[in-house]
Amino acid sequence: MATNVVELRTPQGRESLDQLLESVTITCLEDIHDAAVNLARVAKERGMQIGVCDDISSKEPMVDVDGTILNADIFRWLDDGVRWWEDHRLALHSPLPRACRYESEPFWVNRHGFNTRWRNHYLDEIDLADFERRALCKAAIVVPVHLPFGQISANSFTSVDRQKEDLSQEFAESGTLLALLARRFVAGYVQANRTKRRIPSDCVLSKREVECLRWAAIGKTDKEISMILNRSHATIRYHIHRAGEKLDSVNRAQTIFKAGQLGYLGASD
């Protein structure tokens, strides 16, 4: 499936951009409602309706401090057939959040393909058959947000004209601005709601610990790693065990997982 490469325009007017960013900034739970209202307003002024998902792996809806569901009561996804925020399977079967697993820059998409800043071969492989039923729209501007600890946010802007299938002009004119605002909003929302600490703060792994974990992450056993690095079996076990202690892990698999979340293991391809 062909991927078209497009160029976004940079929003003009430094002061106005700063004001817009400030209007969607969240520093505490009490900021969420007004920031969401402002984000919806900016989208509407550009003929768009926004849908926000802070974590495509979560079943919990995004809410403000009073429990108001943002995608329902503020972003107004209420009609039958468009209440996508109620469908917990969406991240698995919709091409929109699925594409956010493989792309970090904004793009727009319809049944004919993905339109991105650069060619992304992963997107070429995503099935867009029956696009409207699976994506619940004819076309969308999508803003992926890749957050700390491997969390992925998928945010979409669709035209208020539900029959519109070509968003090339909207993407060129407003794509950069919408992406900046969505990212600022989501980053603030996630930070304000983060209460659990699953990874120790300021965890620093040694060069040798990282080296051992990188080999372990691709399936090598301690014995195989010892042969690759020309170190004893016991030494390899020690480095991996020591990394697990630093990461507060309960086993080897969790050590690798947490190290990956913190970016110690690099890309997988």
C-alpha atoms as a PDB file:
ATOM      1  CA  MET A   1       0.000   0.000   0.000  1.00  0.00           C
ATOM      2  CA  ALA A   2       1.646   3.224  -1.143  1.00  0.00           C
ATOM      3  CA  THR A   3       2.646   5.856   1.374  1.00  0.00           C
ATOM      4  CA  ASN A   4       2.580   9.443   0.183  1.00  0.00           C
ATOM      5  CA  VAL A   5       5.192  11.821   1.551  1.00  0.00           C
ATOM      6  CA  VAL A   6       3.863  15.275   2.478  1.00  0.00           C
ATOM      7  CA  GLU A   7       5.308  18.447   3.965  1.00  0.00           C
ATOM      8  CA  LEU A   8       3.764  20.337   6.859  1.00  0.00           C
ATOM      9  CA  ARG A   9       3.837  24.098   7.162  1.00  0.00           C
ATOM     10  CA  THR A  10       5.177  25.635  10.342  1.00  0.00           C
ATOM     11  CA  PRO A  11       2.541  27.699  12.159  1.00  0.00           C
ATOM     12  CA  GLN A  12       3.229  31.435  11.951  1.00  0.00           C
ATOM     13  CA  GLY A  13       3.057  33.905  14.812  1.00  0.00           C
ATOM     14  CA  ARG A  14       5.291  33.030  17.765  1.00  0.00           C
ATOM     15  CA  GLU A  15       3.209  34.862  20.343  1.00  0.00           C
ATOM     16  CA  SER A  16      -0.082  33.337  19.245  1.00  0.00           C
ATOM     17  CA  LEU A  17       1.461  29.877  19.221  1.00  0.00           C
ATOM     18  CA  ASP A  18       2.736  30.381  22.763  1.00  0.00           C
ATOM     19  CA  GLN A  19      -0.718  31.454  23.852  1.00  0.00           C
ATOM     20  CA  LEU A  20      -2.321  28.415  22.257  1.00  0.00           C
ATOM     21  CA  LEU A  21       0.174  26.089  23.886  1.00  0.00           C
ATOM     22  CA  GLU A  22      -0.413  27.722  27.252  1.00  0.00           C
ATOM     23  CA  SER A  23      -4.177  27.303  26.836  1.00  0.00           C
ATOM     24  CA  VAL A  24      -3.862  23.500  26.563  1.00  0.00           C
ATOM     25  CA  THR A  25      -1.130  23.063  29.168  1.00  0.00           C
ATOM     26  CA  ILE A  26      -1.974  20.828  32.140  1.00  0.00           C
ATOM     27  CA  THR A  27       0.065  21.114  35.325  1.00  0.00           C
ATOM     28  CA  CYS A  28      -2.453  19.557  37.731  1.00  0.00           C
ATOM     29  CA  LEU A  29      -5.726  17.638  37.608  1.00  0.00           C
ATOM     30  CA  GLU A  30      -7.745  20.840  37.972  1.00  0.00           C
ATOM     31  CA  ASP A  31      -6.325  22.120  34.649  1.00  0.00           C
ATOM     32  CA  ILE A  32      -7.663  19.224  32.572  1.00  0.00           C
ATOM     33  CA  HIS A  33     -11.202  20.485  31.925  1.00  0.00           C
ATOM     34  CA  ASP A  34     -10.291  23.951  30.671  1.00  0.00           C
ATOM     35  CA  ALA A  35      -7.364  22.620  28.622  1.00  0.00           C
ATOM     36  CA  ALA A  36      -9.683  20.112  26.931  1.00  0.00           C
ATOM     37  CA  VAL A  37     -12.255  22.823  26.185  1.00  0.00           C
ATOM     38  CA  ASN A  38      -9.535  24.953  24.586  1.00  0.00           C
ATOM     39  CA  LEU A  39      -8.211  22.049  22.543  1.00  0.00           C
ATOM     40  CA  ALA A  40     -11.712  21.273  21.259  1.00  0.00           C
ATOM     41  CA  ARG A  41     -12.211  24.941  20.390  1.00  0.00           C
ATOM     42  CA  VAL A  42      -8.978  25.184  18.389  1.00  0.00           C
ATOM     43  CA  ALA A  43      -9.903  22.056  16.456  1.00  0.00           C
ATOM     44  CA  LYS A  44     -13.440  23.320  15.768  1.00  0.00           C
ATOM     45  CA  GLU A  45     -12.131  26.649  14.494  1.00  0.00           C
ATOM     46  CA  ARG A  46     -10.264  24.662  11.862  1.00  0.00           C
ATOM     47  CA  GLY A  47     -13.258  22.560  10.954  1.00  0.00           C
ATOM     48  CA  MET A  48     -12.079  19.543  12.906  1.00  0.00           C
ATOM     49  CA  GLN A  49     -13.248  17.385  15.796  1.00  0.00           C
ATOM     50  CA  ILE A  50     -10.620  15.898  18.061  1.00  0.00           C
ATOM     51  CA  GLY A  51     -10.488  12.509  19.744  1.00  0.00           C
ATOM     52  CA  VAL A  52      -7.788  11.851  22.342  1.00  0.00           C
ATOM     53  CA  CYS A  53      -6.481   8.583  23.772  1.00  0.00           C
ATOM     54  CA  ASP A  54      -3.640   8.906  26.267  1.00  0.00           C
ATOM     55  CA  ASP A  55      -2.818   5.187  26.346  1.00  0.00           C
ATOM     56  CA  ILE A  56      -3.866   2.753  23.622  1.00  0.00           C
ATOM     57  CA  SER A  57      -3.311  -0.167  26.007  1.00  0.00           C
ATOM     58  CA  SER A  58      -5.705   1.175  28.644  1.00  0.00           C
ATOM     59  CA  LYS A  59      -9.435   0.533  29.006  1.00  0.00           C
ATOM     60  CA  GLU A  60      -9.941   3.603  31.194  1.00  0.00           C
ATOM     61  CA  PRO A  61     -11.521   6.700  29.577  1.00  0.00           C
ATOM     62  CA  MET A  62      -9.808  10.053  29.919  1.00  0.00           C
ATOM     63  CA  VAL A  63     -11.530  12.194  32.561  1.00  0.00           C
ATOM     64  CA  ASP A  64     -11.168  15.537  34.293  1.00  0.00           C
ATOM     65  CA  VAL A  65     -10.894  16.041  38.047  1.00  0.00           C
ATOM     66  CA  ASP A  66     -14.673  15.631  38.446  1.00  0.00           C
ATOM     67  CA  GLY A  67     -14.818  12.418  36.432  1.00  0.00           C
ATOM     68  CA  THR A  68     -16.232  14.015  33.270  1.00  0.00           C
ATOM     69  CA  ILE A  69     -15.358  11.846  30.265  1.00  0.00           C
ATOM     70  CA  LEU A  70     -13.440  14.117  27.900  1.00  0.00           C
ATOM     71  CA  ASN A  71     -14.207  12.343  24.639  1.00  0.00           C
ATOM     72  CA  ALA A  72     -17.916  12.314  25.403  1.00  0.00           C
ATOM     73  CA  ASP A  73     -18.788  15.538  27.184  1.00  0.00           C
ATOM     74  CA  ILE A  74     -16.115  17.878  25.837  1.00  0.00           C
ATOM     75  CA  PHE A  75     -14.962  16.454  22.504  1.00  0.00           C
ATOM     76  CA  ARG A  76     -18.589  15.398  21.791  1.00  0.00           C
ATOM     77  CA  TRP A  77     -18.220  11.854  20.477  1.00  0.00           C
ATOM     78  CA  LEU A  78     -21.760  10.904  21.471  1.00  0.00           C
ATOM     79  CA  ASP A  79     -23.706   9.645  18.457  1.00  0.00           C
ATOM     80  CA  ASP A  80     -24.306   5.973  17.824  1.00  0.00           C
ATOM     81  CA  GLY A  81     -21.516   4.499  15.742  1.00  0.00           C
ATOM     82  CA  VAL A  82     -18.909   7.117  16.701  1.00  0.00           C
ATOM     83  CA  ARG A  83     -18.514   6.431  20.426  1.00  0.00           C
ATOM     84  CA  TRP A  84     -15.081   4.979  19.707  1.00  0.00           C
ATOM     85  CA  TRP A  85     -13.844   5.675  23.249  1.00  0.00           C
ATOM     86  CA  GLU A  86     -16.169   2.926  24.533  1.00  0.00           C
ATOM     87  CA  ASP A  87     -14.618   0.275  22.259  1.00  0.00           C
ATOM     88  CA  HIS A  88     -11.709  -1.259  24.164  1.00  0.00           C
ATOM     89  CA  ARG A  89     -10.776  -3.382  21.134  1.00  0.00           C
ATOM     90  CA  LEU A  90     -10.112  -0.351  18.956  1.00  0.00           C
ATOM     91  CA  ALA A  91      -6.352  -0.388  19.481  1.00  0.00           C
ATOM     92  CA  LEU A  92      -6.285  -3.916  18.098  1.00  0.00           C
ATOM     93  CA  HIS A  93      -8.506  -3.657  15.032  1.00  0.00           C
ATOM     94  CA  SER A  94      -8.468   0.016  14.000  1.00  0.00           C
ATOM     95  CA  PRO A  95      -5.675   1.118  11.651  1.00  0.00           C
ATOM     96  CA  LEU A  96      -5.384   4.504  13.411  1.00  0.00           C
ATOM     97  CA  PRO A  97      -3.949   3.483  16.819  1.00  0.00           C
ATOM     98  CA  ARG A  98      -2.172   0.555  15.179  1.00  0.00           C
ATOM     99  CA  ALA A  99      -0.219   2.945  12.967  1.00  0.00           C
ATOM    100  CA  CYS A 100       0.806   4.922  16.062  1.00  0.00           C
ATOM    101  CA  ARG A 101       2.800   1.892  17.197  1.00  0.00           C
ATOM    102  CA  TYR A 102       5.054   2.320  14.158  1.00  0.00           C
ATOM    103  CA  GLU A 103       5.126   6.086  13.556  1.00  0.00           C
ATOM    104  CA  SER A 104       5.942   9.031  15.829  1.00  0.00           C
ATOM    105  CA  GLU A 105       5.211  11.949  13.493  1.00  0.00           C
ATOM    106  CA  PRO A 106       1.729  13.213  12.512  1.00  0.00           C
ATOM    107  CA  PHE A 107       0.128  11.834   9.362  1.00  0.00           C
ATOM    108  CA  TRP A 108      -3.226  11.755   7.658  1.00  0.00           C
ATOM    109  CA  VAL A 109      -4.918   8.660   6.351  1.00  0.00           C
ATOM    110  CA  ASN A 110      -7.929   7.471   4.392  1.00  0.00           C
ATOM    111  CA  ARG A 111      -8.865   4.253   2.620  1.00  0.00           C
ATOM    112  CA  HIS A 112      -6.295   4.956  -0.091  1.00  0.00           C
ATOM    113  CA  GLY A 113      -3.281   5.020   2.221  1.00  0.00           C
ATOM    114  CA  PHE A 114      -1.120   6.840   4.739  1.00  0.00           C
ATOM    115  CA  ASN A 115       0.272  10.279   3.999  1.00  0.00           C
ATOM    116  CA  THR A 116       3.392  10.922   6.045  1.00  0.00           C
ATOM    117  CA  ARG A 117       6.422  13.183   6.239  1.00  0.00           C
ATOM    118  CA  TRP A 118       8.608  10.324   5.095  1.00  0.00           C
ATOM    119  CA  ARG A 119       8.254   6.803   3.817  1.00  0.00           C
ATOM    120  CA  ASN A 120       7.448   4.316   6.544  1.00  0.00           C
ATOM    121  CA  HIS A 121       7.501   0.732   5.330  1.00  0.00           C
ATOM    122  CA  TYR A 122       5.728  -0.503   8.453  1.00  0.00           C
ATOM    123  CA  LEU A 123       2.671   1.533   7.500  1.00  0.00           C
ATOM    124  CA  ASP A 124       2.727   0.021   4.021  1.00  0.00           C
ATOM    125  CA  GLU A 125       1.852  -3.324   5.577  1.00  0.00           C
ATOM    126  CA  ILE A 126      -1.176  -2.131   7.547  1.00  0.00           C
ATOM    127  CA  ASP A 127      -4.440  -3.354   6.049  1.00  0.00           C
ATOM    128  CA  LEU A 128      -6.817  -0.512   5.193  1.00  0.00           C
ATOM    129  CA  ALA A 129      -9.607  -2.701   3.848  1.00  0.00           C
ATOM    130  CA  ASP A 130     -13.053  -1.608   5.055  1.00  0.00           C
ATOM    131  CA  PHE A 131     -11.363   1.518   6.396  1.00  0.00           C
ATOM    132  CA  GLU A 132     -14.448   3.557   7.297  1.00  0.00           C
ATOM    133  CA  ARG A 133     -16.028   0.814   9.420  1.00  0.00           C
ATOM    134  CA  ARG A 134     -12.812   0.034  11.265  1.00  0.00           C
ATOM    135  CA  ALA A 135     -11.593   3.618  11.716  1.00  0.00           C
ATOM    136  CA  LEU A 136     -15.081   5.088  12.257  1.00  0.00           C
ATOM    137  CA  CYS A 137     -14.322   7.914   9.807  1.00  0.00           C
ATOM    138  CA  LYS A 138     -13.575   8.507   6.142  1.00  0.00           C
ATOM    139  CA  ALA A 139     -10.271  10.253   6.869  1.00  0.00           C
ATOM    140  CA  ALA A 140      -8.290  11.486   9.850  1.00  0.00           C
ATOM    141  CA  ILE A 141      -5.244  13.482  10.814  1.00  0.00           C
ATOM    142  CA  VAL A 142      -3.481  11.355  13.420  1.00  0.00           C
ATOM    143  CA  VAL A 143      -0.958  12.538  16.023  1.00  0.00           C
ATOM    144  CA  PRO A 144       1.002   9.770  17.774  1.00  0.00           C
ATOM    145  CA  VAL A 145       2.576  10.681  21.104  1.00  0.00           C
ATOM    146  CA  HIS A 146       5.255   8.338  22.415  1.00  0.00           C
ATOM    147  CA  LEU A 147       5.554   8.871  26.151  1.00  0.00           C
ATOM    148  CA  PRO A 148       8.001   7.701  28.849  1.00  0.00           C
ATOM    149  CA  PHE A 149       7.958   4.013  29.851  1.00  0.00           C
ATOM    150  CA  GLY A 150       6.674   2.828  26.477  1.00  0.00           C
ATOM    151  CA  GLN A 151       3.230   4.446  26.689  1.00  0.00           C
ATOM    152  CA  ILE A 152       1.675   5.323  23.319  1.00  0.00           C
ATOM    153  CA  SER A 153      -1.027   7.932  22.825  1.00  0.00           C
ATOM    154  CA  ALA A 154      -3.126   8.121  19.655  1.00  0.00           C
ATOM    155  CA  ASN A 155      -4.987  11.316  18.819  1.00  0.00           C
ATOM    156  CA  SER A 156      -7.150  11.987  15.794  1.00  0.00           C
ATOM    157  CA  PHE A 157      -8.658  15.006  14.093  1.00  0.00           C
ATOM    158  CA  THR A 158     -11.554  14.366  11.721  1.00  0.00           C
ATOM    159  CA  SER A 159     -13.459  16.840   9.597  1.00  0.00           C
ATOM    160  CA  VAL A 160     -16.814  18.092  10.859  1.00  0.00           C
ATOM    161  CA  ASP A 161     -17.901  17.284   7.300  1.00  0.00           C
ATOM    162  CA  ARG A 162     -18.252  13.549   7.809  1.00  0.00           C
ATOM    163  CA  GLN A 163     -18.191  12.873   4.070  1.00  0.00           C
ATOM    164  CA  LYS A 164     -14.797  14.511   3.535  1.00  0.00           C
ATOM    165  CA  GLU A 165     -12.193  12.007   2.467  1.00  0.00           C
ATOM    166  CA  ASP A 166      -9.280  14.258   1.471  1.00  0.00           C
ATOM    167  CA  LEU A 167      -7.572  16.083   4.352  1.00  0.00           C
ATOM    168  CA  SER A 168      -4.421  17.065   2.471  1.00  0.00           C
ATOM    169  CA  GLN A 169      -5.147  20.800   2.696  1.00  0.00           C
ATOM    170  CA  GLU A 170      -6.072  20.677   6.398  1.00  0.00           C
ATOM    171  CA  PHE A 171      -2.959  18.647   7.114  1.00  0.00           C
ATOM    172  CA  ALA A 172      -0.686  21.054   5.250  1.00  0.00           C
ATOM    173  CA  GLU A 173      -2.197  24.128   6.866  1.00  0.00           C
ATOM    174  CA  SER A 174      -2.832  22.958  10.428  1.00  0.00           C
ATOM    175  CA  GLY A 175      -1.067  19.632  10.915  1.00  0.00           C
ATOM    176  CA  THR A 176       1.954  21.050  12.713  1.00  0.00           C
ATOM    177  CA  LEU A 177      -0.141  23.209  15.035  1.00  0.00           C
ATOM    178  CA  LEU A 178      -2.597  20.445  15.899  1.00  0.00           C
ATOM    179  CA  ALA A 179       0.277  18.076  16.610  1.00  0.00           C
ATOM    180  CA  LEU A 180       1.988  20.559  18.945  1.00  0.00           C
ATOM    181  CA  LEU A 181      -1.217  21.171  20.879  1.00  0.00           C
ATOM    182  CA  ALA A 182      -2.172  17.489  21.113  1.00  0.00           C
ATOM    183  CA  ARG A 183       1.275  16.568  22.384  1.00  0.00           C
ATOM    184  CA  ARG A 184       1.305  19.323  24.972  1.00  0.00           C
ATOM    185  CA  PHE A 185      -2.176  18.352  26.187  1.00  0.00           C
ATOM    186  CA  VAL A 186      -1.479  14.619  26.393  1.00  0.00           C
ATOM    187  CA  ALA A 187       1.927  15.000  28.063  1.00  0.00           C
ATOM    188  CA  GLY A 188       0.397  17.193  30.746  1.00  0.00           C
ATOM    189  CA  TYR A 189      -2.586  14.906  31.239  1.00  0.00           C
ATOM    190  CA  VAL A 190      -0.397  11.843  31.690  1.00  0.00           C
ATOM    191  CA  GLN A 191       1.982  13.596  34.086  1.00  0.00           C
ATOM    192  CA  ALA A 192      -0.880  14.962  36.193  1.00  0.00           C
ATOM    193  CA  ASN A 193      -2.443  11.498  36.477  1.00  0.00           C
ATOM    194  CA  ARG A 194       0.733   9.533  37.117  1.00  0.00           C
ATOM    195  CA  THR A 195       0.561   8.281  40.679  1.00  0.00           C
ATOM    196  CA  LYS A 196       2.238   4.861  40.571  1.00  0.00           C
ATOM    197  CA  ARG A 197       6.003   4.510  40.397  1.00  0.00           C
ATOM    198  CA  ARG A 198       6.896   1.244  38.704  1.00  0.00           C
ATOM    199  CA  ILE A 199      10.525   2.103  37.972  1.00  0.00           C
ATOM    200  CA  PRO A 200      13.056   3.531  40.452  1.00  0.00           C
ATOM    201  CA  SER A 201      13.996   7.170  39.881  1.00  0.00           C
ATOM    202  CA  ASP A 202      17.408   8.063  38.460  1.00  0.00           C
ATOM    203  CA  CYS A 203      18.303   4.447  37.717  1.00  0.00           C
ATOM    204  CA  VAL A 204      21.710   4.219  36.023  1.00  0.00           C
ATOM    205  CA  LEU A 205      22.892   0.941  34.522  1.00  0.00           C
ATOM    206  CA  SER A 206      26.546   0.277  33.820  1.00  0.00           C
ATOM    207  CA  LYS A 207      27.917  -0.240  30.326  1.00  0.00           C
ATOM    208  CA  ARG A 208      28.436  -3.958  30.983  1.00  0.00           C
ATOM    209  CA  GLU A 209      24.953  -4.399  32.443  1.00  0.00           C
ATOM    210  CA  VAL A 210      23.404  -2.803  29.379  1.00  0.00           C
ATOM    211  CA  GLU A 211      25.539  -4.913  27.089  1.00  0.00           C
ATOM    212  CA  CYS A 212      24.411  -8.125  28.770  1.00  0.00           C
ATOM    213  CA  LEU A 213      20.756  -7.071  28.716  1.00  0.00           C
ATOM    214  CA  ARG A 214      20.890  -6.209  25.020  1.00  0.00           C
ATOM    215  CA  TRP A 215      21.982  -9.737  24.200  1.00  0.00           C
ATOM    216  CA  ALA A 216      19.442 -11.188  26.634  1.00  0.00           C
ATOM    217  CA  ALA A 217      16.700  -9.123  24.987  1.00  0.00           C
ATOM    218  CA  ILE A 218      17.255 -10.881  21.661  1.00  0.00           C
ATOM    219  CA  GLY A 219      17.033 -14.306  23.297  1.00  0.00           C
ATOM    220  CA  LYS A 220      20.612 -15.179  24.187  1.00  0.00           C
ATOM    221  CA  THR A 221      21.197 -17.318  27.270  1.00  0.00           C
ATOM    222  CA  ASP A 222      23.729 -16.419  29.937  1.00  0.00           C
ATOM    223  CA  LYS A 223      26.058 -19.093  28.580  1.00  0.00           C
ATOM    224  CA  GLU A 224      25.779 -17.723  25.045  1.00  0.00           C
ATOM    225  CA  ILE A 225      26.357 -14.162  26.269  1.00  0.00           C
ATOM    226  CA  SER A 226      29.438 -15.292  28.187  1.00  0.00           C
ATOM    227  CA  MET A 227      30.874 -16.733  24.977  1.00  0.00           C
ATOM    228  CA  ILE A 228      30.027 -13.603  22.965  1.00  0.00           C
ATOM    229  CA  LEU A 229      31.560 -11.210  25.519  1.00  0.00           C
ATOM    230  CA  ASN A 230      34.368 -13.549  26.537  1.00  0.00           C
ATOM    231  CA  ARG A 231      33.387 -13.408  30.187  1.00  0.00           C
ATOM    232  CA  SER A 232      32.555 -16.131  32.675  1.00  0.00           C
ATOM    233  CA  HIS A 233      29.026 -17.452  33.056  1.00  0.00           C
ATOM    234  CA  ALA A 234      28.989 -16.220  36.656  1.00  0.00           C
ATOM    235  CA  THR A 235      30.022 -12.721  35.579  1.00  0.00           C
ATOM    236  CA  ILE A 236      27.155 -12.487  33.111  1.00  0.00           C
ATOM    237  CA  ARG A 237      24.670 -13.685  35.719  1.00  0.00           C
ATOM    238  CA  TYR A 238      26.007 -11.115  38.158  1.00  0.00           C
ATOM    239  CA  HIS A 239      25.591  -8.190  35.719  1.00  0.00           C
ATOM    240  CA  ILE A 240      22.033  -9.172  34.829  1.00  0.00           C
ATOM    241  CA  HIS A 241      21.155  -9.768  38.485  1.00  0.00           C
ATOM    242  CA  ARG A 242      22.684  -6.423  39.457  1.00  0.00           C
ATOM    243  CA  ALA A 243      20.672  -4.641  36.739  1.00  0.00           C
ATOM    244  CA  GLY A 244      17.532  -6.317  38.102  1.00  0.00           C
ATOM    245  CA  GLU A 245      18.262  -5.006  41.592  1.00  0.00           C
ATOM    246  CA  LYS A 246      18.689  -1.466  40.264  1.00  0.00           C
ATOM    247  CA  LEU A 247      15.426  -1.715  38.326  1.00  0.00           C
ATOM    248  CA  ASP A 248      13.581  -3.343  41.231  1.00  0.00           C
ATOM    249  CA  SER A 249      12.647  -6.318  39.047  1.00  0.00           C
ATOM    250  CA  VAL A 250      11.347  -9.690  40.185  1.00  0.00           C
ATOM    251  CA  ASN A 251      12.874 -11.747  37.374  1.00  0.00           C
ATOM    252  CA  ARG A 252      14.975 -11.657  34.200  1.00  0.00           C
ATOM    253  CA  ALA A 253      12.024 -10.915  31.905  1.00  0.00           C
ATOM    254  CA  GLN A 254      10.955  -7.894  33.948  1.00  0.00           C
ATOM    255  CA  THR A 255      14.530  -6.621  34.048  1.00  0.00           C
ATOM    256  CA  ILE A 256      14.682  -6.667  30.250  1.00  0.00           C
ATOM    257  CA  PHE A 257      11.235  -5.077  30.005  1.00  0.00           C
ATOM    258  CA  LYS A 258      12.063  -2.212  32.379  1.00  0.00           C
ATOM    259  CA  ALA A 259      15.425  -1.584  30.743  1.00  0.00           C
ATOM    260  CA  GLY A 260      13.627  -1.364  27.400  1.00  0.00           C
ATOM    261  CA  GLN A 261      11.080   1.082  28.809  1.00  0.00           C
ATOM    262  CA  LEU A 262      13.909   3.375  29.902  1.00  0.00           C
ATOM    263  CA  GLY A 263      15.570   3.253  26.482  1.00  0.00           C
ATOM    264  CA  TYR A 264      18.683   1.314  27.492  1.00  0.00           C
ATOM    265  CA  LEU A 265      18.222  -1.396  24.875  1.00  0.00           C
ATOM    266  CA  GLY A 266      17.745   0.750  21.785  1.00  0.00           C
ATOM    267  CA  ALA A 267      15.689  -0.096  18.709  1.00  0.00           C
ATOM    268  CA  SER A 268      14.815  -3.715  18.000  1.00  0.00           C
ATOM    269  CA  ASP A 269      15.667  -3.596  14.303  1.00  0.00           C
END
